[in-house]
Amino acid sequence: MSDHEYGGSDNLSLPKATVQKIVSEILPASSGVSFSKEARDLLIECCVEFITLVSSEANEISEKEAKKTIACDHITKALDTLGFSDYIPAVLEAAAQHKETQKVREKWSNKHSDLTLDELAALQNEQFKAAAERHA
């Protein structure tokens, strides 16, 4: 299935640096395995295709329910319909983590609105480090 089948364009992509970072975190440094540029580009294409497929199915589900907004429930139903039900627990966990992060960010931004940019950058780096440790 191509992007054109979903009304998309060939310009859909994911940030290469982000994908490279994810791949680097998954591959153990001690393994000596590297990921070629071509393999990374193919992985990006596969990810975009997967996202397009799931979002298209979720859109159809939301339209059948006469909803104008695709909700998390639509995504999980789409994953199940497409045969990716094994992914649902991880998706629900990521959604819960995202919701919690949003709550923390709201409280944090209200509480730290008087900090300088340097102080905000330092706090952000601390949060990135804590997130990386949680997922290690």
C-alpha atoms as a PDB file:
ATOM      1  CA  MET A   1       0.000   0.000   0.000  1.00  0.00           C
ATOM      2  CA  SER A   2       1.361   3.383  -0.863  1.00  0.00           C
ATOM      3  CA  ASP A   3       0.897   6.806   0.668  1.00  0.00           C
ATOM      4  CA  HIS A   4      -1.163   7.766  -2.379  1.00  0.00           C
ATOM      5  CA  GLU A   5      -3.844   5.230  -1.460  1.00  0.00           C
ATOM      6  CA  TYR A   6      -4.456   7.204   1.736  1.00  0.00           C
ATOM      7  CA  GLY A   7      -4.387  10.635   0.132  1.00  0.00           C
ATOM      8  CA  GLY A   8      -0.839  11.258   1.342  1.00  0.00           C
ATOM      9  CA  SER A   9       2.253  12.298  -0.508  1.00  0.00           C
ATOM     10  CA  ASP A  10       5.696  10.854  -1.098  1.00  0.00           C
ATOM     11  CA  ASN A  11       7.127  13.524   1.216  1.00  0.00           C
ATOM     12  CA  LEU A  12       6.085  11.718   4.394  1.00  0.00           C
ATOM     13  CA  SER A  13       9.043  10.839   6.586  1.00  0.00           C
ATOM     14  CA  LEU A  14      10.385  10.671  10.103  1.00  0.00           C
ATOM     15  CA  PRO A  15      13.364  12.618  11.444  1.00  0.00           C
ATOM     16  CA  LYS A  16      16.451  10.610  10.504  1.00  0.00           C
ATOM     17  CA  ALA A  17      18.355  11.675  13.608  1.00  0.00           C
ATOM     18  CA  THR A  18      15.508  10.505  15.845  1.00  0.00           C
ATOM     19  CA  VAL A  19      15.312   7.135  14.096  1.00  0.00           C
ATOM     20  CA  GLN A  20      19.088   6.758  14.324  1.00  0.00           C
ATOM     21  CA  LYS A  21      18.950   7.541  18.048  1.00  0.00           C
ATOM     22  CA  ILE A  22      16.229   4.932  18.618  1.00  0.00           C
ATOM     23  CA  VAL A  23      18.171   2.323  16.648  1.00  0.00           C
ATOM     24  CA  SER A  24      21.354   3.153  18.566  1.00  0.00           C
ATOM     25  CA  GLU A  25      19.532   2.761  21.887  1.00  0.00           C
ATOM     26  CA  ILE A  26      18.099  -0.612  20.850  1.00  0.00           C
ATOM     27  CA  LEU A  27      21.302  -2.097  19.441  1.00  0.00           C
ATOM     28  CA  PRO A  28      23.725  -2.947  22.234  1.00  0.00           C
ATOM     29  CA  ALA A  29      26.957  -0.993  21.858  1.00  0.00           C
ATOM     30  CA  SER A  30      28.940  -4.107  22.695  1.00  0.00           C
ATOM     31  CA  SER A  31      27.460  -6.043  19.764  1.00  0.00           C
ATOM     32  CA  GLY A  32      29.544  -4.188  17.181  1.00  0.00           C
ATOM     33  CA  VAL A  33      26.528  -4.142  14.856  1.00  0.00           C
ATOM     34  CA  SER A  34      26.050  -1.023  12.793  1.00  0.00           C
ATOM     35  CA  PHE A  35      23.022   0.176  10.876  1.00  0.00           C
ATOM     36  CA  SER A  36      23.658   1.347   7.324  1.00  0.00           C
ATOM     37  CA  LYS A  37      22.103   4.494   5.889  1.00  0.00           C
ATOM     38  CA  GLU A  38      20.116   2.371   3.447  1.00  0.00           C
ATOM     39  CA  ALA A  39      18.778   0.181   6.257  1.00  0.00           C
ATOM     40  CA  ARG A  40      17.821   3.267   8.280  1.00  0.00           C
ATOM     41  CA  ASP A  41      16.037   4.771   5.264  1.00  0.00           C
ATOM     42  CA  LEU A  42      14.175   1.505   4.665  1.00  0.00           C
ATOM     43  CA  LEU A  43      13.197   1.368   8.343  1.00  0.00           C
ATOM     44  CA  ILE A  44      11.850   4.921   8.076  1.00  0.00           C
ATOM     45  CA  GLU A  45       9.807   3.976   5.006  1.00  0.00           C
ATOM     46  CA  CYS A  46       8.400   0.944   6.822  1.00  0.00           C
ATOM     47  CA  CYS A  47       7.514   3.042   9.873  1.00  0.00           C
ATOM     48  CA  VAL A  48       5.754   5.650   7.743  1.00  0.00           C
ATOM     49  CA  GLU A  49       3.834   2.905   5.933  1.00  0.00           C
ATOM     50  CA  PHE A  50       2.822   1.329   9.259  1.00  0.00           C
ATOM     51  CA  ILE A  51       1.691   4.674  10.687  1.00  0.00           C
ATOM     52  CA  THR A  52      -0.262   5.400   7.507  1.00  0.00           C
ATOM     53  CA  LEU A  53      -1.937   1.993   7.602  1.00  0.00           C
ATOM     54  CA  VAL A  54      -2.927   2.235  11.271  1.00  0.00           C
ATOM     55  CA  SER A  55      -4.090   5.850  11.038  1.00  0.00           C
ATOM     56  CA  SER A  56      -6.164   5.090   7.936  1.00  0.00           C
ATOM     57  CA  GLU A  57      -7.858   2.170   9.666  1.00  0.00           C
ATOM     58  CA  ALA A  58      -8.400   4.254  12.825  1.00  0.00           C
ATOM     59  CA  ASN A  59      -9.917   7.014  10.683  1.00  0.00           C
ATOM     60  CA  GLU A  60     -12.363   4.527   9.131  1.00  0.00           C
ATOM     61  CA  ILE A  61     -13.324   3.289  12.599  1.00  0.00           C
ATOM     62  CA  SER A  62     -13.881   6.819  13.887  1.00  0.00           C
ATOM     63  CA  GLU A  63     -15.971   7.693  10.816  1.00  0.00           C
ATOM     64  CA  LYS A  64     -18.157   4.595  11.366  1.00  0.00           C
ATOM     65  CA  GLU A  65     -18.736   5.863  14.911  1.00  0.00           C
ATOM     66  CA  ALA A  66     -19.545   9.351  13.530  1.00  0.00           C
ATOM     67  CA  LYS A  67     -16.614  10.841  15.434  1.00  0.00           C
ATOM     68  CA  LYS A  68     -14.580  13.753  14.110  1.00  0.00           C
ATOM     69  CA  THR A  69     -11.534  13.034  16.256  1.00  0.00           C
ATOM     70  CA  ILE A  70      -9.472   9.852  16.237  1.00  0.00           C
ATOM     71  CA  ALA A  71      -9.133   8.662  19.834  1.00  0.00           C
ATOM     72  CA  CYS A  72      -6.784   6.173  21.472  1.00  0.00           C
ATOM     73  CA  ASP A  73      -9.602   3.630  21.402  1.00  0.00           C
ATOM     74  CA  HIS A  74      -9.745   3.943  17.606  1.00  0.00           C
ATOM     75  CA  ILE A  75      -6.012   3.250  17.381  1.00  0.00           C
ATOM     76  CA  THR A  76      -6.265   0.135  19.527  1.00  0.00           C
ATOM     77  CA  LYS A  77      -9.248  -1.115  17.523  1.00  0.00           C
ATOM     78  CA  ALA A  78      -7.290  -0.470  14.309  1.00  0.00           C
ATOM     79  CA  LEU A  79      -4.303  -2.413  15.620  1.00  0.00           C
ATOM     80  CA  ASP A  80      -6.574  -5.303  16.536  1.00  0.00           C
ATOM     81  CA  THR A  81      -8.345  -5.242  13.167  1.00  0.00           C
ATOM     82  CA  LEU A  82      -5.027  -5.205  11.307  1.00  0.00           C
ATOM     83  CA  GLY A  83      -3.650  -8.134  13.303  1.00  0.00           C
ATOM     84  CA  PHE A  84      -1.318  -6.149  15.559  1.00  0.00           C
ATOM     85  CA  SER A  85      -3.135  -6.834  18.830  1.00  0.00           C
ATOM     86  CA  ASP A  86       0.185  -7.768  20.471  1.00  0.00           C
ATOM     87  CA  TYR A  87       1.113  -4.058  20.276  1.00  0.00           C
ATOM     88  CA  ILE A  88      -1.949  -2.850  22.175  1.00  0.00           C
ATOM     89  CA  PRO A  89      -0.524  -3.171  25.737  1.00  0.00           C
ATOM     90  CA  ALA A  90       2.577  -1.174  24.749  1.00  0.00           C
ATOM     91  CA  VAL A  91       0.419   1.452  23.025  1.00  0.00           C
ATOM     92  CA  LEU A  92      -1.806   1.801  26.083  1.00  0.00           C
ATOM     93  CA  GLU A  93       1.251   2.092  28.321  1.00  0.00           C
ATOM     94  CA  ALA A  94       2.754   4.773  26.065  1.00  0.00           C
ATOM     95  CA  ALA A  95      -0.570   6.652  26.049  1.00  0.00           C
ATOM     96  CA  ALA A  96      -0.722   6.561  29.853  1.00  0.00           C
ATOM     97  CA  GLN A  97       2.874   7.769  30.112  1.00  0.00           C
ATOM     98  CA  HIS A  98       2.150  10.563  27.646  1.00  0.00           C
ATOM     99  CA  LYS A  99      -0.925  11.621  29.619  1.00  0.00           C
ATOM    100  CA  GLU A 100       1.122  11.696  32.835  1.00  0.00           C
ATOM    101  CA  THR A 101       3.914  13.642  31.132  1.00  0.00           C
ATOM    102  CA  GLN A 102       1.385  16.215  29.926  1.00  0.00           C
ATOM    103  CA  LYS A 103       0.068  16.651  33.480  1.00  0.00           C
ATOM    104  CA  VAL A 104       3.599  17.100  34.802  1.00  0.00           C
ATOM    105  CA  ARG A 105       4.436  19.574  32.035  1.00  0.00           C
ATOM    106  CA  GLU A 106       1.341  21.633  32.810  1.00  0.00           C
ATOM    107  CA  LYS A 107       2.169  21.800  36.512  1.00  0.00           C
ATOM    108  CA  TRP A 108       5.830  22.363  35.735  1.00  0.00           C
ATOM    109  CA  SER A 109       5.234  25.212  33.268  1.00  0.00           C
ATOM    110  CA  ASN A 110       2.914  26.965  35.696  1.00  0.00           C
ATOM    111  CA  LYS A 111       5.430  26.544  38.502  1.00  0.00           C
ATOM    112  CA  HIS A 112       8.618  27.428  36.536  1.00  0.00           C
ATOM    113  CA  SER A 113       7.455  30.235  34.267  1.00  0.00           C
ATOM    114  CA  ASP A 114       9.881  32.649  35.961  1.00  0.00           C
ATOM    115  CA  LEU A 115      13.053  30.626  35.175  1.00  0.00           C
ATOM    116  CA  THR A 116      15.699  31.728  32.675  1.00  0.00           C
ATOM    117  CA  LEU A 117      16.260  29.853  29.427  1.00  0.00           C
ATOM    118  CA  ASP A 118      19.471  28.324  30.815  1.00  0.00           C
ATOM    119  CA  GLU A 119      17.645  27.078  33.900  1.00  0.00           C
ATOM    120  CA  LEU A 120      14.852  25.664  31.748  1.00  0.00           C
ATOM    121  CA  ALA A 121      17.400  23.922  29.494  1.00  0.00           C
ATOM    122  CA  ALA A 122      19.108  22.368  32.520  1.00  0.00           C
ATOM    123  CA  LEU A 123      15.781  21.095  33.863  1.00  0.00           C
ATOM    124  CA  GLN A 124      14.889  19.717  30.435  1.00  0.00           C
ATOM    125  CA  ASN A 125      18.198  17.850  30.244  1.00  0.00           C
ATOM    126  CA  GLU A 126      17.530  16.352  33.678  1.00  0.00           C
ATOM    127  CA  GLN A 127      14.128  15.130  32.466  1.00  0.00           C
ATOM    128  CA  PHE A 128      15.656  13.631  29.299  1.00  0.00           C
ATOM    129  CA  LYS A 129      18.217  11.808  31.426  1.00  0.00           C
ATOM    130  CA  ALA A 130      15.514  10.499  33.778  1.00  0.00           C
ATOM    131  CA  ALA A 131      13.421   9.319  30.808  1.00  0.00           C
ATOM    132  CA  ALA A 132      16.398   7.554  29.249  1.00  0.00           C
ATOM    133  CA  GLU A 133      17.099   5.786  32.563  1.00  0.00           C
ATOM    134  CA  ARG A 134      13.438   4.644  32.788  1.00  0.00           C
ATOM    135  CA  HIS A 135      13.651   3.097  29.317  1.00  0.00           C
ATOM    136  CA  ALA A 136      17.091   1.563  29.658  1.00  0.00           C
END
